[in-house]
Structures are given as C-alpha cells and as structure tokens.
Amino acid sequence: QVQLVESGGGLVQAGGSLRLSCAASGRTFSSYTMGWFRQAPGKEREFVAAISWSVVGTYYADSVKGRFTISRDIAKNLVYLQMNSLKPEDTAVYYCAARRLGSAQAMGATGTSMDYWGKGTLVTVSS
C-alpha cells in the first residue's frame, strides 16, 4: 500500500523556521517528482514547491521563493521542506504529493494531477 506521511508541522512565531518531512512507502519513488502543496482555511489548495525525480530541478511558488527549500533523500524515500522566515500567511495544512516522472515545473502547473497525496500536517504561524 502506497503511503505518503507528512510530519514536522506545529506552531511557530512569525520569523521562525520549521522543517517538514514526507516519508514515502509502499514503492520506490526514485522515478517520481515530489512536491508540497498547502491549503489555508477557506482557500483552495495551492502549489508550494517541487523537486524532480532526477533531483536536478526544483520549482517554487513566488510566495515562498527565497524562504523555503525543498530537498529529497532518494535512498530513504524522504522529502523535506525547510521553511524559514515564516509569515502568518504561511499558516495552512501542508500536503506531500508524488507524480510519476515529469518536471518540477509541471507539478506546479494548474490542473496537473498527482498520483499520490499525503493526509497533511498543520503549520500555524502566529504574529
């Protein structure tokens, strides 16, 4: 059974940092582009960041560029999202997603379907 399990969410003050992790299991994800999405209360889910299956390419939403960094450990089937300089508007449930092959940029395109989703982890940034 394929699973993506997020962890690392919590409450942090504005300006602080958090690192989210996504543990993938049930298959090898070396050929999957991995990404992070988020959904704030009352808003639609939005793309945050992606890293290609080849690890060469990364892509970020403009709102997090320069503050967030996505990385992955293929051998351990782990994906990370390092979040620095957090703002109250970063408050959301963060979801891990996987899409077979494709580029990191394609993962961020509107309407792109994902093969797998995690259940999310809540990040709350207080002002």
Foldseek 3Di string as FASTA:
>chain_A
DWAWAKDWADEEAAQAKIKMKIAIDDDQQLQKKKFKWWDDPPGDIAGAKIAFSPNPDIDGDPVQPPFWDWGADRVRRMIMIIGGRDDQVVWTWMKMFIAGGDHRVLVRDPPDDTPDIHPTDTHGYHD
